[in-house]
């Protein structure tokens, strides 16, 4: 995915564009309203959370996963509450 993103940015480097991540919209909800210019509405999902508590309680090889992802761009997922 990272290679695809890099290629897309390379292809469109001469055009005006804005990079917007889902995480940015969650952190700053007014950004979405100002960027898209659509009215704010409550969104629902049919997805359900399948576990409760920290991920380390659910991943058998947590120490391997933790060691592999620490100090990478994906380390944030180790501490997120899904």
PDB file of N, CA and C in Angstrom:
ATOM      1  N   UNK A   1       0.818  -1.183   0.000  1.00  0.00           N
ATOM      2  CA  UNK A   1       0.000   0.000   0.000  1.00  0.00           C
ATOM      3  C   UNK A   1       0.868   1.255   0.000  1.00  0.00           C
ATOM      4  N   UNK A   2       1.958   1.209   0.745  1.00  0.00           N
ATOM      5  CA  UNK A   2       2.826   2.386   0.801  1.00  0.00           C
ATOM      6  C   UNK A   2       3.446   2.689  -0.561  1.00  0.00           C
ATOM      7  N   UNK A   3       3.782   1.660  -1.325  1.00  0.00           N
ATOM      8  CA  UNK A   3       4.337   1.858  -2.668  1.00  0.00           C
ATOM      9  C   UNK A   3       3.278   2.487  -3.575  1.00  0.00           C
ATOM     10  N   UNK A   4       2.044   2.018  -3.480  1.00  0.00           N
ATOM     11  CA  UNK A   4       0.948   2.575  -4.284  1.00  0.00           C
ATOM     12  C   UNK A   4       0.734   4.041  -3.951  1.00  0.00           C
ATOM     13  N   UNK A   5       0.765   4.377  -2.675  1.00  0.00           N
ATOM     14  CA  UNK A   5       0.604   5.773  -2.257  1.00  0.00           C
ATOM     15  C   UNK A   5       1.736   6.622  -2.812  1.00  0.00           C
ATOM     16  N   UNK A   6       2.957   6.132  -2.715  1.00  0.00           N
ATOM     17  CA  UNK A   6       4.112   6.879  -3.220  1.00  0.00           C
ATOM     18  C   UNK A   6       3.998   7.119  -4.723  1.00  0.00           C
ATOM     19  N   UNK A   7       3.546   6.100  -5.468  1.00  0.00           N
ATOM     20  CA  UNK A   7       3.375   6.256  -6.916  1.00  0.00           C
ATOM     21  C   UNK A   7       2.294   7.279  -7.231  1.00  0.00           C
ATOM     22  N   UNK A   8       1.191   7.231  -6.496  1.00  0.00           N
ATOM     23  CA  UNK A   8       0.103   8.185  -6.720  1.00  0.00           C
ATOM     24  C   UNK A   8       0.577   9.610  -6.467  1.00  0.00           C
ATOM     25  N   UNK A   9       1.324   9.807  -5.391  1.00  0.00           N
ATOM     26  CA  UNK A   9       1.852  11.144  -5.103  1.00  0.00           C
ATOM     27  C   UNK A   9       2.825  11.597  -6.182  1.00  0.00           C
ATOM     28  N   UNK A  10       3.606  10.678  -6.698  1.00  0.00           N
ATOM     29  CA  UNK A  10       4.535  11.012  -7.778  1.00  0.00           C
ATOM     30  C   UNK A  10       3.787  11.408  -9.051  1.00  0.00           C
ATOM     31  N   UNK A  11       2.756  10.650  -9.400  1.00  0.00           N
ATOM     32  CA  UNK A  11       1.974  10.941 -10.610  1.00  0.00           C
ATOM     33  C   UNK A  11       1.292  12.303 -10.538  1.00  0.00           C
ATOM     34  N   UNK A  12       0.827  12.664  -9.349  1.00  0.00           N
ATOM     35  CA  UNK A  12       0.042  13.891  -9.208  1.00  0.00           C
ATOM     36  C   UNK A  12       0.821  15.033  -8.573  1.00  0.00           C
ATOM     37  N   UNK A  13       2.152  14.944  -8.568  1.00  0.00           N
ATOM     38  CA  UNK A  13       2.933  15.976  -7.902  1.00  0.00           C
ATOM     39  C   UNK A  13       2.847  17.333  -8.592  1.00  0.00           C
ATOM     40  N   UNK A  14       2.426  17.374  -9.833  1.00  0.00           N
ATOM     41  CA  UNK A  14       2.322  18.658 -10.529  1.00  0.00           C
ATOM     42  C   UNK A  14       0.903  19.236 -10.466  1.00  0.00           C
ATOM     43  N   UNK A  15       0.002  18.561  -9.785  1.00  0.00           N
ATOM     44  CA  UNK A  15      -1.367  19.065  -9.643  1.00  0.00           C
ATOM     45  C   UNK A  15      -1.608  19.510  -8.207  1.00  0.00           C
ATOM     46  N   UNK A  16      -2.585  20.383  -8.041  1.00  0.00           N
ATOM     47  CA  UNK A  16      -2.972  20.794  -6.693  1.00  0.00           C
ATOM     48  C   UNK A  16      -3.748  19.651  -6.052  1.00  0.00           C
ATOM     49  N   UNK A  17      -3.333  19.266  -4.878  1.00  0.00           N
ATOM     50  CA  UNK A  17      -4.031  18.193  -4.187  1.00  0.00           C
ATOM     51  C   UNK A  17      -3.856  18.352  -2.678  1.00  0.00           C
ATOM     52  N   UNK A  18      -4.742  17.719  -1.965  1.00  0.00           N
ATOM     53  CA  UNK A  18      -4.685  17.706  -0.506  1.00  0.00           C
ATOM     54  C   UNK A  18      -4.655  16.260  -0.050  1.00  0.00           C
ATOM     55  N   UNK A  19      -3.753  15.955   0.840  1.00  0.00           N
ATOM     56  CA  UNK A  19      -3.687  14.611   1.408  1.00  0.00           C
ATOM     57  C   UNK A  19      -4.502  14.628   2.698  1.00  0.00           C
ATOM     58  N   UNK A  20      -5.483  13.755   2.740  1.00  0.00           N
ATOM     59  CA  UNK A  20      -6.394  13.718   3.872  1.00  0.00           C
ATOM     60  C   UNK A  20      -6.535  12.280   4.336  1.00  0.00           C
ATOM     61  N   UNK A  21      -6.210  12.029   5.593  1.00  0.00           N
ATOM     62  CA  UNK A  21      -6.292  10.688   6.148  1.00  0.00           C
ATOM     63  C   UNK A  21      -7.545  10.556   7.006  1.00  0.00           C
ATOM     64  N   UNK A  22      -8.096   9.352   7.062  1.00  0.00           N
ATOM     65  CA  UNK A  22      -9.270   9.105   7.901  1.00  0.00           C
ATOM     66  C   UNK A  22      -9.006   9.504   9.342  1.00  0.00           C
ATOM     67  N   UNK A  23      -7.818   9.221   9.833  1.00  0.00           N
ATOM     68  CA  UNK A  23      -7.477   9.542  11.205  1.00  0.00           C
ATOM     69  C   UNK A  23      -7.575  11.042  11.465  1.00  0.00           C
ATOM     70  N   UNK A  24      -7.206  11.849  10.476  1.00  0.00           N
ATOM     71  CA  UNK A  24      -7.301  13.301  10.621  1.00  0.00           C
ATOM     72  C   UNK A  24      -8.753  13.727  10.806  1.00  0.00           C
ATOM     73  N   UNK A  25      -9.637  13.087  10.084  1.00  0.00           N
ATOM     74  CA  UNK A  25     -11.053  13.438  10.175  1.00  0.00           C
ATOM     75  C   UNK A  25     -11.646  13.042  11.519  1.00  0.00           C
ATOM     76  N   UNK A  26     -11.161  11.953  12.076  1.00  0.00           N
ATOM     77  CA  UNK A  26     -11.653  11.516  13.384  1.00  0.00           C
ATOM     78  C   UNK A  26     -11.163  12.469  14.468  1.00  0.00           C
ATOM     79  N   UNK A  27      -9.909  12.863  14.375  1.00  0.00           N
ATOM     80  CA  UNK A  27      -9.327  13.752  15.383  1.00  0.00           C
ATOM     81  C   UNK A  27      -9.943  15.151  15.295  1.00  0.00           C
ATOM     82  N   UNK A  28     -10.147  15.649  14.090  1.00  0.00           N
ATOM     83  CA  UNK A  28     -10.662  17.006  13.894  1.00  0.00           C
ATOM     84  C   UNK A  28     -11.885  16.945  12.989  1.00  0.00           C
ATOM     85  N   UNK A  29     -13.046  16.755  13.571  1.00  0.00           N
ATOM     86  CA  UNK A  29     -14.279  16.584  12.792  1.00  0.00           C
ATOM     87  C   UNK A  29     -14.670  17.826  12.001  1.00  0.00           C
ATOM     88  N   UNK A  30     -14.287  19.007  12.465  1.00  0.00           N
ATOM     89  CA  UNK A  30     -14.639  20.213  11.716  1.00  0.00           C
ATOM     90  C   UNK A  30     -13.858  20.298  10.405  1.00  0.00           C
ATOM     91  N   UNK A  31     -12.692  19.635  10.352  1.00  0.00           N
ATOM     92  CA  UNK A  31     -11.910  19.606   9.119  1.00  0.00           C
ATOM     93  C   UNK A  31     -12.731  18.992   7.989  1.00  0.00           C
ATOM     94  N   UNK A  32     -13.434  17.907   8.300  1.00  0.00           N
ATOM     95  CA  UNK A  32     -14.238  17.230   7.291  1.00  0.00           C
ATOM     96  C   UNK A  32     -15.357  18.146   6.809  1.00  0.00           C
ATOM     97  N   UNK A  33     -16.032  18.771   7.732  1.00  0.00           N
ATOM     98  CA  UNK A  33     -17.140  19.665   7.373  1.00  0.00           C
ATOM     99  C   UNK A  33     -16.638  20.810   6.491  1.00  0.00           C
ATOM    100  N   UNK A  34     -15.501  21.391   6.860  1.00  0.00           N
ATOM    101  CA  UNK A  34     -14.958  22.510   6.088  1.00  0.00           C
ATOM    102  C   UNK A  34     -14.403  22.061   4.740  1.00  0.00           C
ATOM    103  N   UNK A  35     -13.841  20.875   4.695  1.00  0.00           N
ATOM    104  CA  UNK A  35     -13.227  20.378   3.467  1.00  0.00           C
ATOM    105  C   UNK A  35     -14.275  19.928   2.458  1.00  0.00           C
ATOM    106  N   UNK A  36     -15.234  19.135   2.893  1.00  0.00           N
ATOM    107  CA  UNK A  36     -16.233  18.561   1.998  1.00  0.00           C
ATOM    108  C   UNK A  36     -17.410  19.492   1.766  1.00  0.00           C
ATOM    109  N   UNK A  37     -17.677  20.362   2.725  1.00  0.00           N
ATOM    110  CA  UNK A  37     -18.797  21.304   2.655  1.00  0.00           C
ATOM    111  C   UNK A  37     -20.143  20.595   2.573  1.00  0.00           C
ATOM    112  N   UNK A  38     -20.271  19.515   3.340  1.00  0.00           N
ATOM    113  CA  UNK A  38     -21.530  18.793   3.447  1.00  0.00           C
ATOM    114  C   UNK A  38     -22.032  18.918   4.876  1.00  0.00           C
ATOM    115  N   UNK A  39     -23.344  18.834   5.055  1.00  0.00           N
ATOM    116  CA  UNK A  39     -23.848  18.921   6.428  1.00  0.00           C
ATOM    117  C   UNK A  39     -23.395  17.724   7.257  1.00  0.00           C
ATOM    118  N   UNK A  40     -23.187  17.974   8.541  1.00  0.00           N
ATOM    119  CA  UNK A  40     -22.766  16.909   9.438  1.00  0.00           C
ATOM    120  C   UNK A  40     -23.953  16.015   9.756  1.00  0.00           C
ATOM    121  N   UNK A  41     -23.717  14.708   9.765  1.00  0.00           N
ATOM    122  CA  UNK A  41     -24.789  13.774  10.086  1.00  0.00           C
ATOM    123  C   UNK A  41     -24.239  12.619  10.904  1.00  0.00           C
ATOM    124  N   UNK A  42     -25.126  11.983  11.625  1.00  0.00           N
ATOM    125  CA  UNK A  42     -24.719  10.832  12.418  1.00  0.00           C
ATOM    126  C   UNK A  42     -24.614   9.628  11.499  1.00  0.00           C
ATOM    127  N   UNK A  43     -23.478   8.965  11.520  1.00  0.00           N
ATOM    128  CA  UNK A  43     -23.265   7.786  10.692  1.00  0.00           C
ATOM    129  C   UNK A  43     -23.312   6.547  11.570  1.00  0.00           C
ATOM    130  N   UNK A  44     -23.857   5.503  11.034  1.00  0.00           N
ATOM    131  CA  UNK A  44     -23.921   4.248  11.776  1.00  0.00           C
ATOM    132  C   UNK A  44     -23.270   3.153  10.946  1.00  0.00           C
ATOM    133  N   UNK A  45     -22.933   2.079  11.620  1.00  0.00           N
ATOM    134  CA  UNK A  45     -22.302   0.959  10.950  1.00  0.00           C
ATOM    135  C   UNK A  45     -22.912  -0.336  11.463  1.00  0.00           C
ATOM    136  N   UNK A  46     -22.931  -1.332  10.602  1.00  0.00           N
ATOM    137  CA  UNK A  46     -23.396  -2.642  11.005  1.00  0.00           C
ATOM    138  C   UNK A  46     -22.250  -3.497  11.553  1.00  0.00           C
ATOM    139  N   UNK A  47     -21.065  -2.919  11.576  1.00  0.00           N
ATOM    140  CA  UNK A  47     -19.898  -3.627  12.106  1.00  0.00           C
ATOM    141  C   UNK A  47     -19.989  -3.648  13.634  1.00  0.00           C
ATOM    142  N   UNK A  48     -19.553  -4.734  14.225  1.00  0.00           N
ATOM    143  CA  UNK A  48     -19.554  -4.827  15.676  1.00  0.00           C
ATOM    144  C   UNK A  48     -18.152  -5.124  16.170  1.00  0.00           C
ATOM    145  N   UNK A  49     -17.842  -4.652  17.353  1.00  0.00           N
ATOM    146  CA  UNK A  49     -16.552  -4.916  17.961  1.00  0.00           C
ATOM    147  C   UNK A  49     -16.550  -6.357  18.445  1.00  0.00           C
ATOM    148  N   UNK A  50     -15.520  -7.111  18.086  1.00  0.00           N
ATOM    149  CA  UNK A  50     -15.517  -8.532  18.405  1.00  0.00           C
ATOM    150  C   UNK A  50     -14.689  -8.870  19.636  1.00  0.00           C
ATOM    151  N   UNK A  51     -14.027  -7.873  20.213  1.00  0.00           N
ATOM    152  CA  UNK A  51     -13.271  -8.134  21.423  1.00  0.00           C
ATOM    153  C   UNK A  51     -13.310  -6.904  22.317  1.00  0.00           C
ATOM    154  N   UNK A  52     -13.051  -7.131  23.581  1.00  0.00           N
ATOM    155  CA  UNK A  52     -12.964  -6.037  24.544  1.00  0.00           C
ATOM    156  C   UNK A  52     -11.620  -6.114  25.227  1.00  0.00           C
ATOM    157  N   UNK A  53     -11.104  -4.962  25.587  1.00  0.00           N
ATOM    158  CA  UNK A  53      -9.831  -4.922  26.288  1.00  0.00           C
ATOM    159  C   UNK A  53      -8.664  -4.726  25.356  1.00  0.00           C
ATOM    160  N   UNK A  54      -7.471  -4.700  25.914  1.00  0.00           N
ATOM    161  CA  UNK A  54      -6.267  -4.452  25.116  1.00  0.00           C
ATOM    162  C   UNK A  54      -5.984  -5.593  24.135  1.00  0.00           C
ATOM    163  N   UNK A  55      -5.342  -5.243  23.042  1.00  0.00           N
ATOM    164  CA  UNK A  55      -5.011  -6.235  22.019  1.00  0.00           C
ATOM    165  C   UNK A  55      -4.107  -7.338  22.565  1.00  0.00           C
ATOM    166  N   UNK A  56      -3.244  -7.008  23.504  1.00  0.00           N
ATOM    167  CA  UNK A  56      -2.326  -8.026  24.014  1.00  0.00           C
ATOM    168  C   UNK A  56      -3.059  -9.182  24.691  1.00  0.00           C
ATOM    169  N   UNK A  57      -4.303  -8.951  25.111  1.00  0.00           N
ATOM    170  CA  UNK A  57      -5.110 -10.034  25.680  1.00  0.00           C
ATOM    171  C   UNK A  57      -5.658 -10.978  24.618  1.00  0.00           C
ATOM    172  N   UNK A  58      -5.568 -10.581  23.342  1.00  0.00           N
ATOM    173  CA  UNK A  58      -6.193 -11.343  22.266  1.00  0.00           C
ATOM    174  C   UNK A  58      -5.211 -11.903  21.246  1.00  0.00           C
ATOM    175  N   UNK A  59      -3.968 -11.471  21.310  1.00  0.00           N
ATOM    176  CA  UNK A  59      -2.966 -11.901  20.332  1.00  0.00           C
ATOM    177  C   UNK A  59      -1.982 -12.826  21.024  1.00  0.00           C
ATOM    178  N   UNK A  60      -1.933 -14.070  20.585  1.00  0.00           N
ATOM    179  CA  UNK A  60      -1.097 -15.082  21.244  1.00  0.00           C
ATOM    180  C   UNK A  60       0.386 -14.739  21.185  1.00  0.00           C
ATOM    181  N   UNK A  61       0.834 -14.225  20.056  1.00  0.00           N
ATOM    182  CA  UNK A  61       2.261 -13.894  19.916  1.00  0.00           C
ATOM    183  C   UNK A  61       2.472 -12.381  20.074  1.00  0.00           C
ATOM    184  N   UNK A  62       1.835 -11.806  21.085  1.00  0.00           N
ATOM    185  CA  UNK A  62       1.864 -10.359  21.297  1.00  0.00           C
ATOM    186  C   UNK A  62       3.298  -9.828  21.400  1.00  0.00           C
ATOM    187  N   UNK A  63       4.167 -10.518  22.094  1.00  0.00           N
ATOM    188  CA  UNK A  63       5.526 -10.015  22.258  1.00  0.00           C
ATOM    189  C   UNK A  63       6.256  -9.914  20.919  1.00  0.00           C
ATOM    190  N   UNK A  64       6.026 -10.874  20.023  1.00  0.00           N
ATOM    191  CA  UNK A  64       6.629 -10.819  18.686  1.00  0.00           C
ATOM    192  C   UNK A  64       6.046  -9.654  17.885  1.00  0.00           C
ATOM    193  N   UNK A  65       4.736  -9.520  17.937  1.00  0.00           N
ATOM    194  CA  UNK A  65       4.068  -8.426  17.203  1.00  0.00           C
ATOM    195  C   UNK A  65       4.542  -7.082  17.748  1.00  0.00           C
ATOM    196  N   UNK A  66       4.575  -6.959  19.054  1.00  0.00           N
ATOM    197  CA  UNK A  66       4.995  -5.715  19.684  1.00  0.00           C
ATOM    198  C   UNK A  66       6.432  -5.360  19.300  1.00  0.00           C
ATOM    199  N   UNK A  67       7.336  -6.333  19.347  1.00  0.00           N
ATOM    200  CA  UNK A  67       8.742  -6.097  19.006  1.00  0.00           C
ATOM    201  C   UNK A  67       8.887  -5.723  17.524  1.00  0.00           C
ATOM    202  N   UNK A  68       8.110  -6.375  16.667  1.00  0.00           N
ATOM    203  CA  UNK A  68       8.208  -6.114  15.229  1.00  0.00           C
ATOM    204  C   UNK A  68       7.698  -4.725  14.861  1.00  0.00           C
ATOM    205  N   UNK A  69       6.624  -4.284  15.502  1.00  0.00           N
ATOM    206  CA  UNK A  69       6.013  -3.003  15.130  1.00  0.00           C
ATOM    207  C   UNK A  69       6.580  -1.795  15.868  1.00  0.00           C
ATOM    208  N   UNK A  70       7.230  -2.029  17.001  1.00  0.00           N
ATOM    209  CA  UNK A  70       7.806  -0.917  17.756  1.00  0.00           C
ATOM    210  C   UNK A  70       8.856  -0.207  16.904  1.00  0.00           C
ATOM    211  N   UNK A  71       8.819   1.121  16.955  1.00  0.00           N
ATOM    212  CA  UNK A  71       9.737   1.994  16.200  1.00  0.00           C
ATOM    213  C   UNK A  71       9.478   1.951  14.700  1.00  0.00           C
ATOM    214  N   UNK A  72       8.267   1.594  14.307  1.00  0.00           N
ATOM    215  CA  UNK A  72       7.875   1.660  12.894  1.00  0.00           C
ATOM    216  C   UNK A  72       6.669   2.603  12.777  1.00  0.00           C
ATOM    217  N   UNK A  73       6.259   2.851  11.560  1.00  0.00           N
ATOM    218  CA  UNK A  73       5.087   3.697  11.329  1.00  0.00           C
ATOM    219  C   UNK A  73       3.807   3.060  11.862  1.00  0.00           C
ATOM    220  N   UNK A  74       3.857   1.769  12.151  1.00  0.00           N
ATOM    221  CA  UNK A  74       2.667   1.047  12.596  1.00  0.00           C
ATOM    222  C   UNK A  74       2.588   0.899  14.115  1.00  0.00           C
ATOM    223  N   UNK A  75       3.523   1.478  14.814  1.00  0.00           N
ATOM    224  CA  UNK A  75       3.535   1.360  16.282  1.00  0.00           C
ATOM    225  C   UNK A  75       2.266   1.938  16.902  1.00  0.00           C
ATOM    226  N   UNK A  76       1.675   2.928  16.273  1.00  0.00           N
ATOM    227  CA  UNK A  76       0.465   3.547  16.829  1.00  0.00           C
ATOM    228  C   UNK A  76      -0.668   2.535  16.994  1.00  0.00           C
ATOM    229  N   UNK A  77      -0.671   1.502  16.172  1.00  0.00           N
ATOM    230  CA  UNK A  77      -1.732   0.500  16.264  1.00  0.00           C
ATOM    231  C   UNK A  77      -1.587  -0.381  17.504  1.00  0.00           C
ATOM    232  N   UNK A  78      -0.403  -0.401  18.078  1.00  0.00           N
ATOM    233  CA  UNK A  78      -0.195  -1.181  19.292  1.00  0.00           C
ATOM    234  C   UNK A  78      -0.932  -0.584  20.478  1.00  0.00           C
ATOM    235  N   UNK A  79      -1.124   0.720  20.440  1.00  0.00           N
ATOM    236  CA  UNK A  79      -1.687   1.428  21.589  1.00  0.00           C
ATOM    237  C   UNK A  79      -3.114   1.896  21.356  1.00  0.00           C
ATOM    238  N   UNK A  80      -3.655   1.669  20.156  1.00  0.00           N
ATOM    239  CA  UNK A  80      -5.007   2.128  19.839  1.00  0.00           C
ATOM    240  C   UNK A  80      -6.034   1.208  20.481  1.00  0.00           C
ATOM    241  N   UNK A  81      -7.169   1.787  20.835  1.00  0.00           N
ATOM    242  CA  UNK A  81      -8.265   1.010  21.408  1.00  0.00           C
ATOM    243  C   UNK A  81      -9.308   0.818  20.328  1.00  0.00           C
ATOM    244  N   UNK A  82      -9.391  -0.390  19.822  1.00  0.00           N
ATOM    245  CA  UNK A  82     -10.353  -0.683  18.775  1.00  0.00           C
ATOM    246  C   UNK A  82     -11.593  -1.231  19.418  1.00  0.00           C
TER     247      UNK A  82
END
